[in-house]
Amino acid sequence: MPHLLNGPLDQRWAPRLETLLGIGTAAGADLVEVFLERTDHLGVLAEQDTITSVTPAFGMGAGIRVFRDQRDGFVSTNDLSDTGLRRALEQALGMLGLQLGALNRSPFDGLPALNDFAASKGEWLQRSPELQEATQALLGGTQQLQRRGAHLQVRRGSYARDWQEVLVAASDGTFGRDIRLHQSVGLNVLAADGDHRAGVGRRYGSADRPDDLRTWDAEQSAQEVCDSAAAMLYADYVEAGQMPAVLANRFGGVIFHEACGHLLETTQVERGTTPFAERVGEPIAHSAVTAIDEGLTSGAFGSLSMDDEGMEAQRTVLIENGVLKRFISDRAGELRTGHARTGSGRRQSHSFAAASRMRNTFIAAGPHSPEQLIASVDRGLYCKSMGGGSVGPTGQFNFAVEEGYLIENGTLTKPVKGATLIGEAKEVMPRISMCANDLELAAGFCGSVSGSIFVTVGQPHIKVDSITVGGR
């Protein structure tokens, strides 16, 4: 067994996993699932021209979940010995009132051949940047900020590399393995001149591309951040009110992700917190809106060969021409709500049970140009870059506009700051009346019931006919 703990998570684990699955089903479980993982993380922080933090982390563990009727029990452990895994299984069974040895014979017939998505990914970790290369790239980014910015009081850069190997086995015949690699780099500045302040940040991320930090254009990223900071430093504060708004592409999609996407996860159906639970086949948005969640786009932060329940990734149309078509569903969601699984069972690590979670979630491109959207607004707000925000359990949201401009007579005019978009998903979705043809995606992180995961948000430029803008 020691060689298993030191080596890859592969077919050699099959006999041990089959034993666990057989014991669990013999105890009366309808289904037993084992999730194994190994992780290797590197985080680096640069402040001004100094590396101030380096955070390596390594992990290995298992999560065991058992189902009986519509209930499930979940236990995680770092003890991957036979004794440790059996103890975790026994605890998970106990949550459902099941005991080892309850039946004479298990209905489990054994695992099939391994569905190995990791076979071509074995060198990804070795090909990724080491610490010295990562620090040089990051310091290069903060130096570019210094060269290209003005009145900068703070310059920060951050880099993270997350490698994960997973093996999923379940008594329904699931047996899959995958390797995932995520890299992200961010630049942040605080500009100040007298009483004027502006804070701007950008993050860039990709999946499954070991060389991406090496090809990162630090000059372009720094220029983008510094241009935004310069525009916002002396901007006037926006006046509050109800007005039309045009939201830029890429990270503008965070509002759809947060305010509406979560409401289309079966976890929300189970909780009774989504207003869309009984609306499949009905309009919930303007006919201009088609929304998609998928795990297939090459290099996108939320892409994956299989989800954390061993199901292959797929493309799911959530909303088509305004009509609700599907929910994002995992194994428990399918069991409890009847919505078929969509390859969306995801978790931060072995310490969490998988749940229905988004992957690459975006509003699809439309027929218009961004200029046409802006030209259609007499007086409103152009949101070039979105900042942080908060979302309530049923879709109420408020999001800060990091970089904004007034639209007057169909033209962008002066920059404005202090704007906050306030609304509720079920009210705002029908007001998205125009979508441009410039769809782009942006990397992000999403926190929910199964921890923090890598996701992609996105959209083309969109026009919202009326939204509440908070300001001064």
Protein backbone atom coordinates (compact mmCIF):
# COMPACT_ATOMS: atom_id res chain seq x y z
CA MET A 1 0.00 0.00 0.00
CA PRO A 2 2.80 2.60 0.64
CA HIS A 3 3.61 2.66 -3.11
CA LEU A 4 0.03 3.71 -3.80
CA LEU A 5 0.31 6.73 -1.50
CA ASN A 6 3.50 7.87 -3.23
CA GLY A 7 2.43 7.23 -6.80
CA PRO A 8 -0.29 8.42 -9.16
CA LEU A 9 -3.98 7.84 -8.53
CA ASP A 10 -4.62 5.21 -11.17
CA GLN A 11 -5.89 1.70 -11.94
CA ARG A 12 -3.79 0.23 -9.12
CA TRP A 13 -6.30 1.65 -6.64
CA ALA A 14 -9.12 -0.42 -8.13
CA PRO A 15 -8.94 -3.43 -5.73
CA ARG A 16 -9.03 -1.23 -2.62
CA LEU A 17 -11.83 0.91 -4.00
CA GLU A 18 -13.84 -2.14 -5.02
CA THR A 19 -13.58 -3.44 -1.48
CA LEU A 20 -14.89 -0.16 -0.06
CA LEU A 21 -17.74 0.07 -2.55
CA GLY A 22 -18.70 -3.53 -1.88
CA ILE A 23 -18.70 -3.07 1.88
CA GLY A 24 -20.81 0.09 1.59
CA THR A 25 -23.45 -1.41 -0.69
CA ALA A 26 -23.57 -4.56 1.47
CA ALA A 27 -24.48 -2.28 4.37
CA GLY A 28 -27.58 -1.16 2.48
CA ALA A 29 -26.39 2.00 0.69
CA ASP A 30 -28.01 2.67 -2.66
CA LEU A 31 -24.77 4.15 -3.94
CA VAL A 32 -21.25 4.66 -2.57
CA GLU A 33 -18.82 7.20 -4.05
CA VAL A 34 -15.11 7.68 -3.28
CA PHE A 35 -13.23 10.82 -4.35
CA LEU A 36 -9.41 10.75 -4.05
CA GLU A 37 -7.12 13.69 -4.75
CA ARG A 38 -3.53 14.91 -4.68
CA THR A 39 -2.81 18.64 -4.86
CA ASP A 40 0.21 20.89 -5.34
CA HIS A 41 -0.28 24.66 -4.89
CA LEU A 42 2.10 27.58 -5.28
CA GLY A 43 1.15 31.16 -4.43
CA VAL A 44 3.38 34.23 -4.80
CA LEU A 45 2.69 37.84 -3.81
CA ALA A 46 4.73 40.85 -4.95
CA GLU A 47 4.30 44.29 -3.35
CA GLN A 48 6.04 47.22 -5.02
CA ASP A 49 9.32 45.58 -6.13
CA THR A 50 9.61 42.90 -3.46
CA ILE A 51 8.29 39.37 -3.11
CA THR A 52 6.50 39.48 0.23
CA SER A 53 4.86 36.07 0.38
CA VAL A 54 5.43 32.57 -0.98
CA THR A 55 2.87 29.91 -0.07
CA PRO A 56 3.50 26.36 -1.22
CA ALA A 57 0.98 23.72 -0.14
CA PHE A 58 0.59 20.00 -0.75
CA GLY A 59 -2.35 17.77 0.05
CA MET A 60 -3.80 14.30 -0.32
CA GLY A 61 -7.09 12.91 0.93
CA ALA A 62 -10.38 11.21 0.27
CA GLY A 63 -14.06 12.10 0.48
CA ILE A 64 -16.56 9.26 0.87
CA ARG A 65 -20.27 9.74 0.27
CA VAL A 66 -23.11 7.26 0.62
CA PHE A 67 -26.70 7.59 -0.60
CA ARG A 68 -29.83 5.97 0.74
CA ASP A 69 -33.18 6.97 -0.74
CA GLN A 70 -32.89 10.79 -1.05
CA ARG A 71 -30.45 11.23 1.82
CA ASP A 72 -26.66 11.18 1.77
CA GLY A 73 -23.83 11.10 4.29
CA PHE A 74 -20.34 12.46 3.63
CA VAL A 75 -17.04 12.10 5.50
CA SER A 76 -13.54 13.23 4.46
CA THR A 77 -10.20 11.95 5.67
CA ASN A 78 -6.45 12.42 5.16
CA ASP A 79 -5.83 8.84 6.33
CA LEU A 80 -5.67 6.80 3.13
CA SER A 81 -4.74 3.54 4.82
CA ASP A 82 -7.20 0.68 4.58
CA THR A 83 -8.15 1.30 8.18
CA GLY A 84 -8.62 5.05 7.66
CA LEU A 85 -10.77 4.67 4.56
CA ARG A 86 -12.91 1.97 6.16
CA ARG A 87 -13.40 4.13 9.25
CA ALA A 88 -14.55 7.08 7.09
CA LEU A 89 -16.95 4.81 5.21
CA GLU A 90 -18.37 3.50 8.46
CA GLN A 91 -18.95 7.04 9.72
CA ALA A 92 -20.70 8.05 6.48
CA LEU A 93 -22.93 4.96 6.68
CA GLY A 94 -23.72 5.75 10.29
CA MET A 95 -25.12 9.14 9.28
CA LEU A 96 -27.87 7.25 7.44
CA GLY A 97 -28.41 4.67 10.14
CA LEU A 98 -26.57 1.95 8.21
CA GLN A 99 -24.08 -0.52 9.68
CA LEU A 100 -21.32 -2.64 8.19
CA GLY A 101 -22.29 -6.21 7.40
CA ALA A 102 -26.03 -5.55 7.27
CA LEU A 103 -26.45 -7.73 4.15
CA ASN A 104 -24.93 -11.07 3.27
CA ARG A 105 -24.04 -10.09 -0.30
CA SER A 106 -23.25 -6.80 -2.00
CA PRO A 107 -25.10 -5.87 -5.20
CA PHE A 108 -21.90 -4.20 -6.45
CA ASP A 109 -20.29 -6.14 -9.35
CA GLY A 110 -16.95 -4.36 -9.55
CA LEU A 111 -15.38 -1.41 -11.39
CA PRO A 112 -14.95 -1.17 -15.17
CA ALA A 113 -11.71 -0.21 -16.88
CA LEU A 114 -10.45 3.22 -15.81
CA ASN A 115 -11.66 6.17 -17.87
CA ASP A 116 -8.31 7.95 -17.79
CA PHE A 117 -8.49 11.60 -18.89
CA ALA A 118 -5.10 12.21 -17.25
CA ALA A 119 -3.09 9.97 -19.55
CA SER A 120 -1.83 12.88 -21.67
CA LYS A 121 -1.42 15.30 -18.77
CA GLY A 122 1.28 13.61 -16.70
CA GLU A 123 3.98 16.21 -17.40
CA TRP A 124 1.90 19.31 -16.73
CA LEU A 125 3.24 19.94 -13.23
CA GLN A 126 6.87 19.47 -14.29
CA ARG A 127 6.35 21.83 -17.25
CA SER A 128 4.83 24.60 -15.12
CA PRO A 129 6.96 27.53 -13.90
CA GLU A 130 9.06 26.96 -10.81
CA LEU A 131 9.24 29.55 -8.03
CA GLN A 132 12.16 31.54 -9.46
CA GLU A 133 10.53 31.90 -12.87
CA ALA A 134 7.20 32.87 -11.32
CA THR A 135 8.76 35.55 -9.12
CA GLN A 136 10.65 37.07 -12.04
CA ALA A 137 7.48 37.27 -14.11
CA LEU A 138 5.54 38.81 -11.25
CA LEU A 139 8.19 41.41 -10.46
CA GLY A 140 8.27 42.22 -14.16
CA GLY A 141 4.56 42.98 -13.92
CA THR A 142 4.88 45.34 -10.95
CA GLN A 143 7.80 47.10 -12.67
CA GLN A 144 5.64 47.61 -15.75
CA LEU A 145 3.03 49.21 -13.49
CA GLN A 146 5.67 51.65 -12.23
CA ARG A 147 6.73 52.54 -15.77
CA ARG A 148 3.22 53.04 -17.12
CA GLY A 149 1.29 54.48 -14.20
CA ALA A 150 1.15 57.84 -12.46
CA HIS A 151 0.45 58.71 -8.82
CA LEU A 152 0.67 55.02 -7.86
CA GLN A 153 0.89 54.53 -4.09
CA VAL A 154 0.55 50.75 -4.15
CA ARG A 155 1.56 48.22 -6.78
CA ARG A 156 0.76 44.55 -6.25
CA GLY A 157 1.07 41.40 -8.30
CA SER A 158 -0.04 37.88 -7.44
CA TYR A 159 0.42 34.49 -9.03
CA ALA A 160 -1.17 31.16 -8.20
CA ARG A 161 -0.60 27.71 -9.66
CA ASP A 162 -2.93 24.90 -8.65
CA TRP A 163 -2.35 21.31 -9.78
CA GLN A 164 -4.82 18.57 -8.86
CA GLU A 165 -5.04 14.87 -9.62
CA VAL A 166 -8.38 13.19 -8.91
CA LEU A 167 -9.72 9.64 -8.98
CA VAL A 168 -13.47 9.03 -8.67
CA ALA A 169 -15.07 5.63 -8.16
CA ALA A 170 -18.71 4.85 -7.45
CA SER A 171 -20.81 1.72 -7.15
CA ASP A 172 -22.84 2.65 -10.26
CA GLY A 173 -19.75 1.84 -12.36
CA THR A 174 -18.13 5.27 -12.37
CA PHE A 175 -14.33 5.02 -12.48
CA GLY A 176 -12.49 8.08 -13.79
CA ARG A 177 -9.20 9.90 -13.37
CA ASP A 178 -8.17 13.42 -14.32
CA ILE A 179 -5.41 15.98 -13.84
CA ARG A 180 -6.25 19.69 -13.68
CA LEU A 181 -3.91 22.69 -13.86
CA HIS A 182 -4.96 26.28 -13.17
CA GLN A 183 -2.76 29.36 -13.29
CA SER A 184 -3.74 32.95 -12.59
CA VAL A 185 -1.90 36.23 -12.36
CA GLY A 186 -3.29 39.51 -11.06
CA LEU A 187 -2.18 43.14 -10.98
CA ASN A 188 -3.59 45.75 -8.59
CA VAL A 189 -2.85 49.43 -8.04
CA LEU A 190 -3.95 52.20 -5.75
CA ALA A 191 -3.51 55.66 -7.29
CA ALA A 192 -3.73 58.78 -5.13
CA ASP A 193 -3.35 62.50 -5.72
CA GLY A 194 -4.45 64.73 -2.89
CA ASP A 195 -8.04 63.79 -2.03
CA HIS A 196 -8.45 61.76 -5.20
CA ARG A 197 -8.25 57.97 -4.99
CA ALA A 198 -8.68 55.10 -7.44
CA GLY A 199 -8.15 51.40 -6.90
CA VAL A 200 -8.09 49.06 -9.89
CA GLY A 201 -7.31 45.37 -10.29
CA ARG A 202 -7.32 42.80 -13.07
CA ARG A 203 -6.86 39.03 -12.97
CA TYR A 204 -6.02 36.75 -15.86
CA GLY A 205 -6.34 32.98 -15.66
CA SER A 206 -6.30 29.79 -17.69
CA ALA A 207 -6.61 26.05 -17.29
CA ASP A 208 -4.53 23.19 -18.65
CA ARG A 209 -1.80 25.34 -20.22
CA PRO A 210 1.55 24.91 -18.44
CA ASP A 211 3.27 27.66 -20.47
CA ASP A 212 0.69 30.42 -19.98
CA LEU A 213 2.70 32.48 -17.49
CA ARG A 214 5.59 32.43 -19.95
CA THR A 215 3.41 33.91 -22.68
CA TRP A 216 1.66 36.44 -20.40
CA ASP A 217 1.89 39.96 -21.85
CA ALA A 218 2.79 41.89 -18.69
CA GLU A 219 3.14 45.16 -20.59
CA GLN A 220 -0.38 45.00 -21.99
CA SER A 221 -1.87 43.97 -18.65
CA ALA A 222 -0.07 46.76 -16.81
CA GLN A 223 -1.16 49.29 -19.43
CA GLU A 224 -4.79 48.19 -19.06
CA VAL A 225 -4.68 48.60 -15.28
CA CYS A 226 -2.89 51.94 -15.39
CA ASP A 227 -5.21 53.37 -18.05
CA SER A 228 -8.21 52.46 -15.91
CA ALA A 229 -6.66 53.97 -12.79
CA ALA A 230 -5.84 57.19 -14.64
CA ALA A 231 -9.40 57.49 -15.94
CA MET A 232 -10.94 56.96 -12.51
CA LEU A 233 -8.53 59.02 -10.40
CA TYR A 234 -10.14 62.39 -11.12
CA ALA A 235 -13.61 61.14 -12.10
CA ASP A 236 -16.71 62.77 -10.65
CA TYR A 237 -19.13 60.75 -8.56
CA VAL A 238 -22.16 59.42 -10.39
CA GLU A 239 -25.64 60.63 -9.53
CA ALA A 240 -27.95 57.93 -8.21
CA GLY A 241 -31.11 57.02 -10.06
CA GLN A 242 -32.93 54.63 -12.37
CA MET A 243 -31.34 54.55 -15.82
CA PRO A 244 -30.34 52.29 -18.73
CA ALA A 245 -26.89 50.73 -18.56
CA VAL A 246 -24.51 49.08 -21.00
CA LEU A 247 -22.25 46.48 -19.41
CA ALA A 248 -18.98 45.61 -21.13
CA ASN A 249 -18.02 42.08 -22.12
CA ARG A 250 -15.68 39.65 -20.29
CA PHE A 251 -15.98 40.16 -16.50
CA GLY A 252 -19.24 42.03 -16.89
CA GLY A 253 -20.72 38.53 -16.90
CA VAL A 254 -20.11 38.29 -13.15
CA ILE A 255 -23.56 39.80 -12.54
CA PHE A 256 -25.32 37.06 -14.51
CA HIS A 257 -23.18 34.44 -12.76
CA GLU A 258 -23.93 35.70 -9.28
CA ALA A 259 -27.48 37.02 -9.59
CA CYS A 260 -28.96 34.42 -11.94
CA GLY A 261 -26.54 31.53 -12.46
CA HIS A 262 -26.68 30.39 -8.84
CA LEU A 263 -30.48 30.38 -9.01
CA LEU A 264 -30.23 27.81 -11.82
CA GLU A 265 -28.27 25.30 -9.70
CA THR A 266 -30.28 22.41 -8.28
CA THR A 267 -28.88 23.18 -4.82
CA GLN A 268 -31.14 26.24 -4.92
CA VAL A 269 -34.10 24.13 -6.06
CA GLU A 270 -33.51 21.79 -3.12
CA ARG A 271 -33.45 24.72 -0.71
CA GLY A 272 -36.52 26.38 -2.21
CA THR A 273 -34.59 29.64 -2.70
CA THR A 274 -34.84 30.06 -6.47
CA PRO A 275 -37.84 31.86 -8.01
CA PHE A 276 -37.29 29.81 -11.18
CA ALA A 277 -37.92 26.33 -9.70
CA GLU A 278 -41.16 25.73 -11.59
CA ARG A 279 -40.39 27.85 -14.65
CA VAL A 280 -38.77 25.37 -17.07
CA GLY A 281 -40.26 26.04 -20.50
CA GLU A 282 -41.33 29.56 -19.53
CA PRO A 283 -39.76 32.96 -20.31
CA ILE A 284 -37.60 34.27 -17.47
CA ALA A 285 -35.52 36.74 -19.53
CA HIS A 286 -35.82 38.97 -22.58
CA SER A 287 -35.91 37.08 -25.88
CA ALA A 288 -32.49 38.59 -26.67
CA VAL A 289 -30.90 36.45 -23.94
CA THR A 290 -29.44 32.98 -24.43
CA ALA A 291 -27.29 31.72 -21.56
CA ILE A 292 -24.96 28.71 -21.53
CA ASP A 293 -22.97 26.76 -18.97
CA GLU A 294 -20.31 24.39 -20.30
CA GLY A 295 -17.01 22.76 -19.42
CA LEU A 296 -15.53 22.36 -22.89
CA THR A 297 -13.84 25.63 -23.97
CA SER A 298 -10.10 25.03 -24.37
CA GLY A 299 -8.06 26.81 -21.73
CA ALA A 300 -11.03 28.38 -19.94
CA PHE A 301 -10.80 28.54 -16.15
CA GLY A 302 -13.97 26.50 -15.60
CA SER A 303 -13.28 23.76 -18.16
CA LEU A 304 -12.74 20.15 -17.11
CA SER A 305 -12.58 16.75 -18.75
CA MET A 306 -14.83 15.25 -16.09
CA ASP A 307 -16.57 16.69 -13.06
CA ASP A 308 -15.85 15.67 -9.47
CA GLU A 309 -18.42 12.89 -9.71
CA GLY A 310 -16.71 11.34 -12.74
CA MET A 311 -19.15 12.57 -15.40
CA GLU A 312 -17.73 13.93 -18.65
CA ALA A 313 -18.08 17.65 -19.34
CA GLN A 314 -20.83 18.85 -21.64
CA ARG A 315 -22.54 21.98 -22.95
CA THR A 316 -25.79 22.97 -21.23
CA VAL A 317 -28.13 25.62 -22.63
CA LEU A 318 -29.75 27.18 -19.57
CA ILE A 319 -31.82 29.91 -21.23
CA GLU A 320 -32.67 30.01 -24.94
CA ASN A 321 -34.20 33.17 -26.41
CA GLY A 322 -35.38 34.08 -22.92
CA VAL A 323 -36.94 30.69 -22.12
CA LEU A 324 -35.62 28.58 -19.22
CA LYS A 325 -34.46 25.22 -20.60
CA ARG A 326 -32.33 23.42 -18.01
CA PHE A 327 -30.92 23.56 -14.51
CA ILE A 328 -27.30 22.88 -13.56
CA SER A 329 -27.43 19.52 -11.81
CA ASP A 330 -25.22 17.06 -9.94
CA ARG A 331 -25.86 13.56 -8.60
CA ALA A 332 -27.77 14.71 -5.51
CA GLY A 333 -29.67 17.29 -7.55
CA GLU A 334 -30.86 14.66 -9.99
CA LEU A 335 -31.91 12.39 -7.14
CA ARG A 336 -33.82 15.05 -5.21
CA THR A 337 -35.22 17.31 -7.94
CA GLY A 338 -35.44 15.10 -11.01
CA HIS A 339 -33.28 17.41 -13.14
CA ALA A 340 -30.80 15.28 -15.10
CA ARG A 341 -27.10 15.57 -14.29
CA THR A 342 -25.15 18.01 -16.46
CA GLY A 343 -21.54 17.14 -15.52
CA SER A 344 -21.61 19.93 -12.94
CA GLY A 345 -20.82 18.13 -9.68
CA ARG A 346 -17.88 20.17 -8.36
CA ARG A 347 -15.99 20.68 -5.11
CA GLN A 348 -13.00 22.63 -3.84
CA SER A 349 -11.27 19.54 -2.47
CA HIS A 350 -11.83 16.14 -0.88
CA SER A 351 -13.04 17.95 2.24
CA PHE A 352 -16.30 18.89 0.49
CA ALA A 353 -19.11 16.83 -0.98
CA ALA A 354 -19.73 17.70 -4.62
CA ALA A 355 -22.64 20.01 -5.43
CA SER A 356 -24.21 21.50 -8.55
CA ARG A 357 -21.86 24.32 -9.55
CA MET A 358 -21.20 26.47 -12.59
CA ARG A 359 -18.27 25.95 -14.98
CA ASN A 360 -17.94 28.40 -17.91
CA THR A 361 -21.16 30.40 -17.66
CA PHE A 362 -21.98 33.17 -20.10
CA ILE A 363 -24.60 35.08 -22.05
CA ALA A 364 -24.24 34.21 -25.73
CA ALA A 365 -23.34 36.73 -28.42
CA GLY A 366 -26.08 38.65 -30.23
CA PRO A 367 -26.37 40.44 -33.58
CA HIS A 368 -25.40 44.00 -32.60
CA SER A 369 -22.13 45.90 -32.33
CA PRO A 370 -21.14 47.46 -28.98
CA GLU A 371 -21.45 50.86 -30.62
CA GLN A 372 -25.08 50.17 -31.49
CA LEU A 373 -25.89 49.43 -27.87
CA ILE A 374 -24.30 52.67 -26.69
CA ALA A 375 -25.93 54.68 -29.48
CA SER A 376 -29.38 53.45 -28.36
CA VAL A 377 -29.05 55.16 -24.94
CA ASP A 378 -29.93 58.84 -24.51
CA ARG A 379 -28.64 59.09 -20.97
CA GLY A 380 -27.27 56.23 -18.93
CA LEU A 381 -24.19 54.47 -17.57
CA TYR A 382 -21.48 52.51 -19.37
CA CYS A 383 -19.88 49.93 -17.07
CA LYS A 384 -16.47 49.10 -18.52
CA SER A 385 -15.23 47.13 -15.54
CA MET A 386 -17.07 45.57 -12.59
CA GLY A 387 -15.73 45.29 -9.06
CA GLY A 388 -16.91 43.39 -6.01
CA GLY A 389 -20.46 42.93 -4.82
CA SER A 390 -22.89 40.83 -2.86
CA VAL A 391 -25.88 38.66 -3.71
CA GLY A 392 -28.83 37.60 -1.59
CA PRO A 393 -30.22 34.05 -1.48
CA THR A 394 -32.98 34.72 -4.00
CA GLY A 395 -31.04 36.87 -6.48
CA GLN A 396 -30.97 40.38 -4.99
CA PHE A 397 -27.61 41.93 -5.88
CA ASN A 398 -25.43 45.00 -5.68
CA PHE A 399 -22.18 45.32 -7.61
CA ALA A 400 -19.66 48.14 -7.66
CA VAL A 401 -18.65 49.59 -11.02
CA GLU A 402 -14.86 49.80 -11.00
CA GLU A 403 -14.65 51.86 -14.18
CA GLY A 404 -17.69 53.69 -15.52
CA TYR A 405 -18.63 56.44 -17.99
CA LEU A 406 -21.73 58.48 -18.65
CA ILE A 407 -23.61 57.88 -21.88
CA GLU A 408 -25.12 61.09 -23.20
CA ASN A 409 -27.02 61.27 -26.49
CA GLY A 410 -25.63 57.91 -27.55
CA THR A 411 -21.99 58.81 -26.88
CA LEU A 412 -19.54 58.01 -24.07
CA THR A 413 -18.61 61.19 -22.22
CA LYS A 414 -16.98 61.73 -18.84
CA PRO A 415 -15.76 59.03 -16.45
CA VAL A 416 -17.71 58.57 -13.21
CA LYS A 417 -16.98 56.64 -10.04
CA GLY A 418 -18.88 55.44 -7.00
CA ALA A 419 -21.56 53.68 -9.06
CA THR A 420 -23.28 50.56 -7.77
CA LEU A 421 -25.72 48.44 -9.77
CA ILE A 422 -28.64 47.31 -7.60
CA GLY A 423 -31.37 44.91 -8.61
CA GLU A 424 -32.94 41.47 -8.51
CA ALA A 425 -32.41 38.73 -11.08
CA LYS A 426 -36.07 38.08 -11.88
CA GLU A 427 -36.58 41.80 -12.56
CA VAL A 428 -33.36 42.57 -14.44
CA MET A 429 -33.21 39.52 -16.77
CA PRO A 430 -36.30 40.64 -18.77
CA ARG A 431 -34.68 44.07 -19.24
CA ILE A 432 -31.56 42.81 -21.08
CA SER A 433 -32.84 43.87 -24.48
CA MET A 434 -29.69 43.90 -26.64
CA CYS A 435 -26.60 41.67 -26.84
CA ALA A 436 -23.55 42.57 -28.90
CA ASN A 437 -21.40 40.29 -31.05
CA ASP A 438 -18.20 40.48 -28.97
CA LEU A 439 -18.48 37.61 -26.47
CA GLU A 440 -15.40 37.19 -24.27
CA LEU A 441 -14.70 35.12 -21.16
CA ALA A 442 -12.87 35.98 -17.95
CA ALA A 443 -11.42 33.85 -15.16
CA GLY A 444 -12.90 33.96 -11.69
CA PHE A 445 -13.47 32.12 -8.43
CA CYS A 446 -16.82 31.07 -7.02
CA GLY A 447 -17.63 30.24 -3.42
CA SER A 448 -20.66 28.18 -2.45
CA VAL A 449 -21.71 25.07 -0.52
CA SER A 450 -18.88 22.91 -1.89
CA GLY A 451 -16.13 25.47 -1.38
CA SER A 452 -14.24 27.79 -3.73
CA ILE A 453 -13.84 26.58 -7.31
CA PHE A 454 -12.41 27.84 -10.61
CA VAL A 455 -15.04 29.28 -12.96
CA THR A 456 -15.33 31.42 -16.05
CA VAL A 457 -17.80 34.27 -16.41
CA GLY A 458 -18.53 36.02 -19.66
CA GLN A 459 -20.82 37.88 -21.98
CA PRO A 460 -20.79 40.24 -24.93
CA HIS A 461 -21.66 43.89 -24.31
CA ILE A 462 -25.26 43.90 -23.10
CA LYS A 463 -27.85 46.65 -22.67
CA VAL A 464 -30.12 46.72 -19.62
CA ASP A 465 -33.09 48.97 -20.34
CA SER A 466 -33.44 50.12 -16.73
CA ILE A 467 -31.54 49.42 -13.53
CA THR A 468 -31.07 51.15 -10.19
CA VAL A 469 -27.69 52.91 -9.97
CA GLY A 470 -26.53 53.80 -6.51
CA GLY A 471 -24.24 56.79 -6.14
CA ARG A 472 -24.08 60.18 -4.46
